Each structure stands twice: as C-alpha cells, then as structure tokens.
Protein backbone atom coordinates (compact mmCIF):
# COMPACT_ATOMS: atom_id res chain seq x y z
CA UNK A 1 -39.98 56.69 118.49
CA UNK A 2 -40.07 59.77 116.30
CA UNK A 3 -36.37 59.49 115.85
CA UNK A 4 -36.69 55.90 114.60
CA UNK A 5 -39.40 56.83 112.17
CA UNK A 6 -37.26 59.74 110.93
CA UNK A 7 -34.25 57.47 110.27
CA UNK A 8 -36.42 54.87 108.52
CA UNK A 9 -37.81 57.59 106.23
CA UNK A 10 -34.35 58.69 105.22
CA UNK A 11 -33.40 55.07 104.35
CA UNK A 12 -36.51 54.65 102.25
CA UNK A 13 -35.76 57.89 100.43
CA UNK A 14 -32.41 56.37 99.39
CA UNK A 15 -33.57 52.83 98.64
CA UNK A 16 -36.72 53.61 96.68
CA UNK A 17 -34.93 55.41 93.74
CA UNK A 18 -32.35 52.62 93.63
CA UNK A 19 -35.03 49.94 93.59
CA UNK A 20 -36.95 51.82 90.92
CA UNK A 21 -33.84 52.09 88.73
CA UNK A 22 -33.04 48.42 89.19
CA UNK A 23 -36.56 47.42 88.31
CA UNK A 24 -36.48 49.59 85.18
CA UNK A 25 -33.17 48.09 84.15
CA UNK A 26 -34.48 44.56 84.59
CA UNK A 27 -37.58 45.41 82.58
CA UNK A 28 -35.68 46.88 79.65
CA UNK A 29 -33.21 44.00 79.61
CA UNK A 30 -35.89 41.34 79.63
CA UNK A 31 -38.04 43.10 77.06
CA UNK A 32 -35.25 44.17 74.65
CA UNK A 33 -35.86 42.81 71.08
CA UNK A 34 -33.25 40.24 69.72
CA UNK A 35 -30.83 40.93 66.80
CA UNK A 36 -32.39 40.96 63.31
CA UNK A 37 -31.61 37.86 61.09
CA UNK A 38 -31.02 38.14 57.29
CA UNK A 39 -32.40 35.46 54.88
CA UNK A 40 -29.44 33.51 53.18
CA UNK A 41 -29.55 32.77 49.37
CA UNK A 42 -28.56 29.38 47.68
CA UNK A 43 -25.27 29.47 45.71
CA UNK A 44 -25.67 29.08 41.92
CA UNK A 45 -22.79 27.99 39.59
CA UNK A 46 -22.80 28.95 35.90
CA UNK A 47 -22.02 25.98 33.61
CA UNK A 48 -21.81 25.52 29.86
CA UNK A 49 -24.21 22.91 28.50
CA UNK A 50 -25.35 21.48 25.19
CA UNK A 51 -28.40 19.42 24.31
CA UNK A 52 -27.02 15.93 23.63
CA UNK A 53 -27.09 15.84 19.80
CA UNK A 54 -28.43 12.88 17.84
CA UNK A 55 -26.62 12.72 14.49
CA UNK A 56 -26.01 10.52 11.47
CA UNK A 57 -22.53 9.57 12.60
CA UNK A 58 -19.83 9.08 9.95
CA UNK A 59 -17.20 6.74 11.48
CA UNK A 60 -13.77 8.09 10.69
CA UNK A 61 -10.18 7.03 11.27
CA UNK A 62 -7.13 9.20 10.76
CA UNK A 63 -3.57 8.14 10.11
CA UNK A 64 -0.35 9.46 8.66
CA UNK A 65 2.23 8.12 6.25
CA UNK A 66 4.82 8.99 3.64
CA UNK A 67 3.97 8.90 -0.07
CA UNK A 68 5.81 6.33 -2.18
CA UNK A 69 5.62 5.47 -5.88
CA UNK A 70 3.71 2.32 -6.75
CA UNK A 71 6.10 1.63 -9.65
CA UNK A 72 9.85 2.04 -9.27
CA UNK A 73 12.18 1.39 -12.21
CA UNK A 74 15.87 0.94 -11.50
CA UNK A 75 17.45 1.01 -14.95
CA UNK A 76 20.48 -1.30 -15.26
CA UNK A 77 22.68 -1.81 -18.34
CA UNK A 78 22.16 -5.36 -19.65
CA UNK A 79 24.93 -5.10 -22.26
CA UNK A 80 28.34 -3.52 -22.32
CA UNK A 81 29.40 -0.65 -24.53
CA UNK A 82 29.87 3.07 -24.85
CA UNK A 83 26.89 5.41 -24.47
CA UNK A 84 26.45 7.18 -27.79
CA UNK A 85 23.33 9.25 -26.99
CA UNK A 86 20.93 10.10 -24.12
CA UNK A 87 17.50 11.70 -23.89
CA UNK A 88 17.71 15.52 -23.57
CA UNK A 89 15.60 15.34 -20.39
CA UNK A 90 17.67 12.63 -18.72
CA UNK A 91 17.96 14.67 -15.52
CA UNK A 92 16.60 14.19 -11.99
CA UNK A 93 13.05 15.52 -11.63
CA UNK A 94 12.19 15.46 -15.35
CA UNK A 95 9.00 13.80 -16.59
CA UNK A 96 9.44 11.13 -19.26
CA UNK A 97 6.76 9.69 -21.54
CA UNK A 98 6.31 5.95 -21.98
CA UNK A 99 8.48 4.34 -24.72
CA UNK A 100 10.81 7.36 -24.90
CA UNK A 101 14.40 6.43 -25.89
CA UNK A 102 16.53 7.36 -22.89
CA UNK A 103 19.94 5.78 -23.57
CA UNK A 104 21.59 4.42 -26.75
CA UNK A 105 24.64 2.16 -26.32
CA UNK A 106 27.01 1.63 -29.27
CA UNK A 107 25.61 -1.42 -31.17
CA UNK A 108 28.59 -2.02 -33.51
CA UNK A 109 29.97 -5.02 -31.62
CA UNK A 110 26.59 -6.73 -31.52
CA UNK A 111 25.90 -6.02 -35.19
CA UNK A 112 29.19 -7.69 -36.15
CA UNK A 113 28.39 -10.68 -33.99
CA UNK A 114 24.98 -10.88 -35.60
CA UNK A 115 26.53 -10.81 -39.09
CA UNK A 116 28.95 -13.63 -38.20
CA UNK A 117 26.19 -15.77 -36.79
CA UNK A 118 23.96 -15.17 -39.80
CA UNK A 119 26.80 -16.38 -42.06
CA UNK A 120 27.32 -19.44 -39.86
CA UNK A 121 23.62 -20.25 -39.97
CA UNK A 122 23.62 -19.99 -43.77
CA UNK A 123 26.69 -22.25 -43.98
CA UNK A 124 25.10 -24.86 -41.72
CA UNK A 125 21.91 -24.86 -43.74
CA UNK A 126 23.98 -25.39 -46.92
CA UNK A 127 25.70 -28.36 -45.31
CA UNK A 128 22.32 -29.84 -44.39
CA UNK A 129 21.19 -29.45 -48.00
CA UNK A 130 24.44 -31.00 -49.26
CA UNK A 131 24.02 -33.91 -46.84
CA UNK A 132 20.55 -34.53 -48.17
CA UNK A 133 21.85 -34.60 -51.73
CA UNK A 134 24.64 -36.99 -50.72
CA UNK A 135 22.06 -39.27 -49.13
CA UNK A 136 20.05 -39.39 -52.33
CA UNK A 137 23.19 -40.08 -54.43
CA UNK A 138 24.33 -42.80 -52.05
CA UNK A 139 20.97 -44.54 -52.26
CA UNK A 140 21.17 -44.54 -56.06
CA UNK A 141 24.73 -45.86 -56.02
CA UNK A 142 23.74 -48.61 -53.58
CA UNK A 143 20.90 -49.67 -55.86
CA UNK A 144 23.30 -49.89 -58.85
CA UNK A 145 25.95 -51.74 -56.90
CA UNK A 146 23.40 -54.22 -55.59
CA UNK A 147 22.46 -55.07 -59.19
CA UNK A 148 26.12 -55.28 -60.19
CA UNK A 149 26.78 -57.58 -57.22
CA UNK A 150 23.99 -59.90 -58.32
CA UNK A 151 25.53 -60.14 -61.79
CA UNK A 152 29.01 -60.71 -60.37
CA UNK A 153 27.67 -63.48 -58.16
CA UNK A 154 26.05 -65.21 -61.17
CA UNK A 155 29.32 -64.97 -63.13
CA UNK A 156 31.23 -66.53 -60.22
CA UNK A 157 28.76 -69.38 -59.95
CA UNK A 158 29.03 -70.19 -63.68
CA UNK A 159 32.80 -70.24 -63.57
CA UNK A 160 32.74 -72.47 -60.51
CA UNK A 161 30.48 -74.91 -62.43
CA UNK A 162 32.72 -75.16 -65.52
CA UNK A 163 36.07 -75.26 -63.72
CA UNK A 164 35.59 -79.03 -63.21
CA UNK A 165 35.47 -79.52 -66.97
CA UNK A 166 38.64 -77.49 -67.34
CA UNK A 167 36.74 -74.93 -69.38
CA UNK A 168 38.29 -72.14 -67.30
CA UNK A 169 41.33 -72.08 -65.11
CA UNK A 170 41.25 -71.95 -61.36
CA UNK A 171 43.01 -68.57 -61.50
CA UNK A 172 40.13 -67.15 -63.46
CA UNK A 173 37.69 -68.43 -60.86
CA UNK A 174 39.80 -66.90 -58.05
CA UNK A 175 39.95 -63.56 -59.81
CA UNK A 176 36.19 -63.58 -60.28
CA UNK A 177 35.64 -64.42 -56.63
CA UNK A 178 38.00 -61.60 -55.57
CA UNK A 179 36.12 -59.16 -57.78
CA UNK A 180 32.84 -60.31 -56.25
CA UNK A 181 34.13 -59.81 -52.70
CA UNK A 182 35.57 -56.38 -53.55
CA UNK A 183 32.24 -55.29 -54.99
CA UNK A 184 30.41 -56.64 -51.96
CA UNK A 185 32.74 -54.71 -49.65
CA UNK A 186 32.13 -51.49 -51.58
CA UNK A 187 28.39 -52.03 -51.25
CA UNK A 188 28.70 -52.46 -47.48
CA UNK A 189 30.75 -49.27 -47.26
CA UNK A 190 28.02 -47.41 -49.15
CA UNK A 191 25.41 -48.76 -46.76
CA UNK A 192 27.52 -47.73 -43.75
CA UNK A 193 27.84 -44.24 -45.21
CA UNK A 194 24.07 -44.10 -45.66
CA UNK A 195 23.54 -45.28 -42.08
CA UNK A 196 25.71 -42.44 -40.73
CA UNK A 197 23.80 -39.73 -42.56
CA UNK A 198 20.92 -39.44 -39.98
CA UNK A 199 23.36 -38.80 -37.13
CA UNK A 200 25.26 -36.31 -39.29
CA UNK A 201 21.97 -34.60 -40.08
CA UNK A 202 21.13 -34.42 -36.35
CA UNK A 203 24.53 -32.93 -35.62
CA UNK A 204 24.07 -30.30 -38.31
CA UNK A 205 20.56 -29.46 -37.07
CA UNK A 206 21.86 -29.19 -33.50
CA UNK A 207 24.60 -26.87 -34.70
CA UNK A 208 21.99 -24.87 -36.63
CA UNK A 209 19.82 -24.57 -33.51
CA UNK A 210 22.83 -23.42 -31.52
CA UNK A 211 23.77 -20.79 -34.09
CA UNK A 212 20.17 -19.62 -34.37
CA UNK A 213 19.94 -19.34 -30.56
CA UNK A 214 23.12 -17.30 -30.59
CA UNK A 215 21.64 -15.16 -33.35
CA UNK A 216 18.47 -14.58 -31.30
CA UNK A 217 20.54 -13.71 -28.25
CA UNK A 218 22.57 -11.27 -30.30
CA UNK A 219 19.36 -9.73 -31.60
CA UNK A 220 18.13 -9.37 -28.01
CA UNK A 221 21.44 -7.82 -26.97
CA UNK A 222 21.20 -5.50 -29.93
CA UNK A 223 17.76 -4.38 -28.78
CA UNK A 224 19.12 -3.87 -25.27
CA UNK A 225 21.49 -1.22 -26.59
CA UNK A 226 18.41 1.03 -26.66
CA UNK A 227 16.77 1.66 -23.28
CA UNK A 228 13.16 2.90 -23.43
CA UNK A 229 10.89 4.06 -20.61
CA UNK A 230 8.47 1.21 -19.74
CA UNK A 231 5.85 3.66 -18.39
CA UNK A 232 5.25 7.36 -17.80
CA UNK A 233 7.71 8.26 -15.09
CA UNK A 234 9.65 10.91 -13.25
CA UNK A 235 13.41 10.56 -13.05
CA UNK A 236 15.12 10.35 -9.68
CA UNK A 237 18.85 9.53 -9.44
CA UNK A 238 20.77 9.69 -12.74
CA UNK A 239 24.37 8.44 -12.95
CA UNK A 240 25.18 8.26 -16.66
CA UNK A 241 26.56 10.66 -19.26
CA UNK A 242 27.06 10.49 -23.07
CA UNK A 243 30.41 8.92 -24.03
CA UNK A 244 30.65 6.94 -20.81
CA UNK A 245 31.48 3.23 -21.07
CA UNK A 246 29.07 1.00 -19.15
CA UNK A 247 29.35 -2.62 -18.19
CA UNK A 248 26.61 -5.21 -17.99
CA UNK A 249 24.83 -4.88 -14.64
CA UNK A 250 25.82 -1.25 -14.06
CA UNK A 251 23.11 0.96 -12.50
CA UNK A 252 22.15 3.87 -14.76
CA UNK A 253 19.27 5.75 -13.15
CA UNK A 254 16.09 5.39 -11.12
CA UNK A 255 12.59 6.47 -12.15
CA UNK A 256 9.22 6.58 -10.37
CA UNK A 257 5.95 5.84 -12.11
CA UNK A 258 3.46 8.70 -12.10
CA UNK A 259 0.35 6.60 -12.72
CA UNK A 260 -0.22 6.02 -8.99
CA UNK A 261 1.23 6.93 -5.61
CA UNK A 262 0.75 4.93 -2.44
CA UNK A 263 0.78 6.00 1.21
CA UNK A 264 1.68 3.51 3.92
CA UNK A 265 -0.51 5.03 6.63
CA UNK A 266 -0.55 3.79 10.20
CA UNK A 267 -3.69 3.39 12.31
CA UNK A 268 -4.46 2.06 15.74
CA UNK A 269 -6.22 -1.29 15.54
CA UNK A 270 -9.20 -0.16 17.66
CA UNK A 271 -9.62 2.96 15.50
CA UNK A 272 -9.93 0.86 12.35
CA UNK A 273 -12.33 -1.53 14.02
CA UNK A 274 -14.64 1.38 14.85
CA UNK A 275 -15.12 1.85 11.09
CA UNK A 276 -16.44 -1.67 10.64
CA UNK A 277 -19.72 -3.29 11.45
CA UNK A 278 -20.09 -5.77 14.29
CA UNK A 279 -19.91 -8.77 11.93
CA UNK A 280 -16.67 -7.73 10.24
CA UNK A 281 -14.70 -6.28 13.16
CA UNK A 282 -13.38 -9.67 14.17
CA UNK A 283 -11.91 -10.28 10.71
CA UNK A 284 -9.55 -7.29 10.86
CA UNK A 285 -5.92 -8.33 11.17
CA UNK A 286 -2.62 -7.60 9.35
CA UNK A 287 -2.11 -9.27 5.97
CA UNK A 288 -5.76 -10.06 5.18
CA UNK A 289 -6.32 -12.31 2.17
CA UNK A 290 -7.59 -10.48 -0.91
CA UNK A 291 -11.16 -11.80 -0.82
CA UNK A 292 -11.58 -11.13 2.91
CA UNK A 293 -9.96 -7.70 2.58
CA UNK A 294 -12.41 -6.78 -0.18
CA UNK A 295 -15.29 -7.89 2.00
CA UNK A 296 -14.14 -5.97 5.08
CA UNK A 297 -13.26 -2.68 3.36
CA UNK A 298 -15.86 -2.70 0.58
CA UNK A 299 -17.69 0.41 1.89
CA UNK A 300 -14.69 2.31 3.28
CA UNK A 301 -13.54 5.42 1.39
CA UNK A 302 -10.22 7.21 1.73
CA UNK A 303 -9.03 10.81 1.30
CA UNK A 304 -5.37 11.84 1.30
CA UNK A 305 -4.51 15.37 2.44
CA UNK A 306 -1.27 17.32 2.17
CA UNK A 307 -1.36 20.08 4.76
CA UNK A 308 0.77 23.22 4.60
CA UNK A 309 0.70 26.39 6.65
CA UNK A 310 -0.86 28.29 3.74
CA UNK A 311 -2.87 25.69 1.83
CA UNK A 312 -4.32 22.20 1.89
CA UNK A 313 -4.57 19.77 -1.03
CA UNK A 314 -6.69 16.61 -1.07
CA UNK A 315 -6.87 13.55 -3.31
CA UNK A 316 -9.43 10.79 -3.43
CA UNK A 317 -7.78 7.45 -2.75
CA UNK A 318 -8.60 3.75 -2.58
CA UNK A 319 -7.60 1.25 0.07
CA UNK A 320 -5.42 -1.24 -1.76
CA UNK A 321 -4.28 -3.64 0.96
CA UNK A 322 -2.99 -4.11 4.49
CA UNK A 323 0.65 -4.73 5.27
CA UNK A 324 1.56 -8.26 6.35
CA UNK A 325 2.55 -7.19 9.88
CA UNK A 326 1.99 -4.45 12.44
CA UNK A 327 4.44 -1.57 12.82
CA UNK A 328 7.20 -2.48 15.25
CA UNK A 329 7.16 -0.50 18.47
CA UNK A 330 3.83 1.29 17.98
CA UNK A 331 1.84 -1.88 17.22
CA UNK A 332 -0.16 0.03 14.62
CA UNK A 333 -1.72 -1.61 11.61
CA UNK A 334 -0.47 -0.35 8.26
CA UNK A 335 -2.97 0.47 5.51
CA UNK A 336 -1.84 1.07 1.92
CA UNK A 337 -3.92 3.84 0.34
CA UNK A 338 -3.37 4.45 -3.39
CA UNK A 339 -3.98 7.71 -5.26
CA UNK A 340 -4.41 7.24 -9.01
CA UNK A 341 -3.14 9.91 -11.42
CA UNK A 342 -1.54 12.09 -8.69
CA UNK A 343 -0.06 14.47 -11.30
CA UNK A 344 -3.28 15.01 -13.25
CA UNK A 345 -4.64 18.16 -11.53
CA UNK A 346 -1.33 19.70 -10.54
CA UNK A 347 -1.12 23.50 -10.86
CA UNK A 348 2.34 25.05 -10.46
CA UNK A 349 2.46 27.28 -7.41
CA UNK A 350 -1.08 26.36 -6.31
CA UNK A 351 -1.64 22.62 -6.29
CA UNK A 352 1.43 20.35 -6.21
CA UNK A 353 1.35 16.75 -7.41
CA UNK A 354 1.48 13.99 -4.83
CA UNK A 355 5.16 13.14 -5.01
CA UNK A 356 7.27 10.54 -3.16
CA UNK A 357 8.50 11.66 0.24
CA UNK A 358 5.50 13.86 1.13
CA UNK A 359 4.12 13.36 4.64
CA UNK A 360 0.37 12.93 4.23
CA UNK A 361 -2.76 12.67 6.33
CA UNK A 362 -5.08 9.78 5.42
CA UNK A 363 -8.74 9.82 6.49
CA UNK A 364 -10.88 6.69 6.19
CA UNK A 365 -14.66 7.00 6.42
CA UNK A 366 -17.43 4.43 6.64
CA UNK A 367 -21.13 4.78 5.71
CA UNK A 368 -23.17 6.96 8.10
CA UNK A 369 -24.82 5.35 11.12
CA UNK A 370 -28.10 7.16 11.90
CA UNK A 371 -29.40 8.02 15.36
CA UNK A 372 -26.12 8.17 17.29
CA UNK A 373 -25.72 10.27 20.44
CA UNK A 374 -22.34 12.02 20.60
CA UNK A 375 -20.66 14.12 23.30
CA UNK A 376 -17.32 15.87 23.74
CA UNK A 377 -14.69 13.69 25.39
CA UNK A 378 -14.44 16.18 28.27
CA UNK A 379 -18.11 15.75 29.13
CA UNK A 380 -17.63 12.16 30.31
CA UNK A 381 -16.24 11.65 33.84
CA UNK A 382 -15.60 8.07 34.96
CA UNK A 383 -18.36 6.63 32.73
CA UNK A 384 -20.80 9.31 33.88
CA UNK A 385 -22.05 12.69 32.69
CA UNK A 386 -23.61 15.64 34.53
CA UNK A 387 -27.06 16.70 33.40
CA UNK A 388 -29.12 19.77 34.17
CA UNK A 389 -32.52 18.49 35.24
CA UNK A 390 -35.72 19.99 36.61
CA UNK A 391 -35.43 23.38 38.30
CA UNK A 392 -31.86 23.58 36.90
CA UNK A 393 -30.57 21.00 39.37
CA UNK A 394 -27.38 19.05 38.70
CA UNK A 395 -27.75 15.30 38.14
CA UNK A 396 -25.09 12.63 37.62
CA UNK A 397 -26.01 10.00 35.04
CA UNK A 398 -24.01 6.82 34.23
CA UNK A 399 -23.45 6.18 30.51
CA UNK A 400 -21.77 3.54 28.33
CA UNK A 401 -19.30 4.72 25.69
CA UNK A 402 -19.28 2.77 22.43
CA UNK A 403 -16.05 4.26 21.09
CA UNK A 404 -14.11 7.51 20.88
CA UNK A 405 -13.41 9.39 17.67
CA UNK A 406 -11.54 12.63 17.17
CA UNK A 407 -12.70 15.05 19.90
CA UNK A 408 -15.91 13.22 20.82
CA UNK A 409 -17.29 9.92 22.07
CA UNK A 410 -20.27 7.89 20.87
CA UNK A 411 -22.72 6.98 23.63
CA UNK A 412 -24.02 3.43 23.45
CA UNK A 413 -26.51 3.68 26.33
CA UNK A 414 -27.58 6.04 29.09
CA UNK A 415 -28.77 8.95 26.95
CA UNK A 416 -31.55 9.15 24.39
CA UNK A 417 -30.72 12.62 23.05
CA UNK A 418 -31.40 16.29 23.78
CA UNK A 419 -30.59 15.99 27.51
CA UNK A 420 -28.80 19.09 28.81
CA UNK A 421 -25.27 17.78 29.29
CA UNK A 422 -22.69 19.83 31.18
CA UNK A 423 -19.61 20.34 28.98
CA UNK A 424 -17.58 22.54 31.33
CA UNK A 425 -15.79 21.06 34.32
CA UNK A 426 -17.62 22.23 37.47
CA UNK A 427 -15.45 23.47 40.35
CA UNK A 428 -17.36 21.11 42.62
CA UNK A 429 -20.25 18.86 41.66
CA UNK A 430 -23.00 17.88 44.08
CA UNK A 431 -26.17 16.13 43.04
CA UNK A 432 -29.07 18.51 43.34
CA UNK A 433 -26.99 21.67 43.38
CA UNK A 434 -28.47 24.70 41.63
CA UNK A 435 -26.77 25.73 38.37
CA UNK A 436 -27.21 28.39 35.73
CA UNK A 437 -26.95 26.63 32.32
CA UNK A 438 -25.55 28.49 29.31
CA UNK A 439 -25.91 26.85 25.89
CA UNK A 440 -22.55 26.58 24.06
CA UNK A 441 -23.74 26.86 20.45
CA UNK A 442 -20.21 26.98 18.99
CA UNK A 443 -19.26 23.70 20.64
CA UNK A 444 -22.54 22.11 19.57
CA UNK A 445 -21.99 23.04 15.91
CA UNK A 446 -18.37 21.93 16.06
CA UNK A 447 -19.43 18.60 17.54
CA UNK A 448 -21.99 18.03 14.79
CA UNK A 449 -19.43 18.82 12.11
CA UNK A 450 -16.93 16.41 13.62
CA UNK A 451 -19.51 13.64 13.94
CA UNK A 452 -20.66 14.08 10.34
CA UNK A 453 -17.10 14.66 9.01
CA UNK A 454 -18.10 17.88 7.24
CA UNK A 455 -15.53 20.53 6.53
CA UNK A 456 -12.96 18.79 8.70
CA UNK A 457 -9.26 19.22 7.95
CA UNK A 458 -6.43 17.49 9.78
C-alpha cells in the first residue's frame, strides 16, 4: 500500500508542473490583446476650379483671307502708234496720282486725219449752201418761165384764130406752136430740177453727218493718244517703254486702286450665325440681296489684322457683301470686308499699308449680350460639368451649350453663374468624392478677356 502511494506521489510531482504550465499557457493565449488597428483617411484630389463667370459676351467670328484691290485698271492701247513719252514713275510699285499723264502715243497720224475731215466737212457745208442758192434761183427762173409760157400760149391762140382768114401762114402758126412746146418743156425741166433738190440736200446732209462723225471719232482717237490715270493707284505689271510701237488692243500695264482694299475672308456658317440674333439667323445664306444683307449685318463690325512675328497692324473695315456661293471643298461662306484708305496711316518700317496679296485675319464682332455664362471648352464633358459643392464634394451637373467661340463655350442652361466649375481633367471622377479646389485666376481672367474680346490678337 505504501509502495502504491509512493508511486502515485511521484506521478503527481511530474504531472502537476505540466498541468500548471498548460493552464498558464491557455490563460495567456485566451487573454492576449488583439492587434492594434489604425484609422484610415479619405483620399483628396487637388483640382483647378473657377467660379463660372457671368459676362457681357461679345459674339465674335474669325476668318482669314487674302487682300485684293477693289479697283483694278488694266491699261490697253486703244489706238496704234509709237510711244513718244512715258511718266517718270511708270515702274512697278510706284504710286501714281489721279489724272497723271502716263503714256503719250504719237498723234501725228490722227491730227492729219482730223485736218482732212475738217476740210471735207467745210466742203460739204459749202455744197449745201450752194444747193440752197441754186434752189432759190431755180424758183425765180420757174416763175419767169411760167409768165413767158402764158404769153407764148396767148400768141399761139391768136395766130390760130387768124390763120383761117389767111392773115398769117400755117408755117408761122407751126413755128409759134413749136416755140410754145419748147418753152413748156424747159419749164418742166426746171420743175424737175427743183424737185430733186430736197433729195440732194438730204444726201449732202447725210454726207456731212458722216464726215462729222468721222471727225468726232478722230478727235476721240486723238485724245486716246494720251493715257491718264483714272484714279489714285499703284502700278503692278508694266510692259511698255518709250519709242515702242503699240497696236490697238495691246496690254500696257496694270494698276491697283489705293482708295480701298478688300479681303475675301472665309467663315464657317455656324460661326457667322452665332453673331446674329435669333430672328436674323435664318436669313444668312450666300449671295444675300442688298437690302437683306444690310438688315442682317447692320450691327456687325469688322477689324482686319496683319500679324507678323515682331508686330501686328490693324485696320477698321466694313462688311461690304457676301459672295454668291460657298467655298468649294470647305463649304465656308465668303465675306467681303473692305478697308478704306489702306495707305493713309502707313509708316515706312513700322506700319505697312494693306497691299494686295497680304494674308490677313478678319474679326467680326456683334453687340454685347449681357448676362452670359461662359466656360472653357475643356470644362464641358459630354454635355456635363463637374462642380465643387458643399464640403468640397464633387458633383456632376448637366448643362446645355448655346454655341462655342474661340477657347470657350456659352452655356444656355444648367448654370446661373459663380458655381465652382472644375477646369482641370480629374484622373477619376466620382460623385461625392472629396477634392481640394484651387482657384485658377489666370484662366479666369483670360476667359473674361476672350468673352469680352478685349486685347485679343489672332
């Protein structure tokens, strides 16, 4: 019995420490604190924004075209002859005043022709005067011969009455009758001569008219031997020299008028329509009639700009007309803008005149439209914009675009103004996401300048 108790004690001495260790292990494992958890923060994206500006919008359309002279004079010789003198400035590029004598063709041949025709006219007038005198003489002679014929007839009748009494011979009666008939025939000849005088007078007057017409034509040809400038102009191509013989119809030189220069600028149809009010937009089409054109473009102003790398020159212009058709290929409408007195303010080396061949920018502007909301083109995504709302949360707002102009669009509906509109493209956009807005003042000022067309160059 003692031995059993002894063995049991030894087992307990081994098992009790093991059981105590196991129990301690279980306790520590079950009561060990869990891992500490860190609080996560919401991601915030920095975006550029601007308060949607409300401006007095100046509708503007921009086009380009090449300057052309309004007046082009192609001088052609209308008479033949040798060139005896030319203007000292008859050279390409020279400016010529109106009425300046540019070319003098030898007039000798035409002066001789004029002298011959003047002599012929004088001769024909003398013949007409002579014919009138002959008519008067013939009438007097006829009156005398009529009286003489009456007397001759009475003498014949008396002799015929006394021939039965043998007072006169039959031969005497026959001679008297022959004399009567001869006198009567002479009278008829005089009357026939008088009857022909009106037709002779008509023939002489017709010949006089013909000679006078030839004289006038010769005078015109004589004047054509001197070629004068019809207006202030600048010479282009010149193909004539002193001493050269020219024929009628030969081209001499070309000159461009300097009173006005026109630019055939091209614009997209929808761009031009944006300038017009709702009532006049539907009237816009190529080749408008004058009265309708005046009505449609009455308030539109134009500015022509010549842009260089170092300088920019502008001219005020007027819209003169629309071309009769659209430009082939591009389907653009062509507007003719005219600059009056393009040489007036020219300064050598600083401000050139508006000359033919220059490629120009043409800006058309309409009266300002107040209370318009404008945004950069890049701010609109599929007819929607992103706004920064309460607590700087991103919101997507649908909008309606009226039209686009330059670098911006005009909002017709969806915004009332001053909303914080995102102008930078977010990497990802989720409604309600937290953002950090940064006002882009430079973009805002640029947008206002564009919308109000202030200080804008092409």
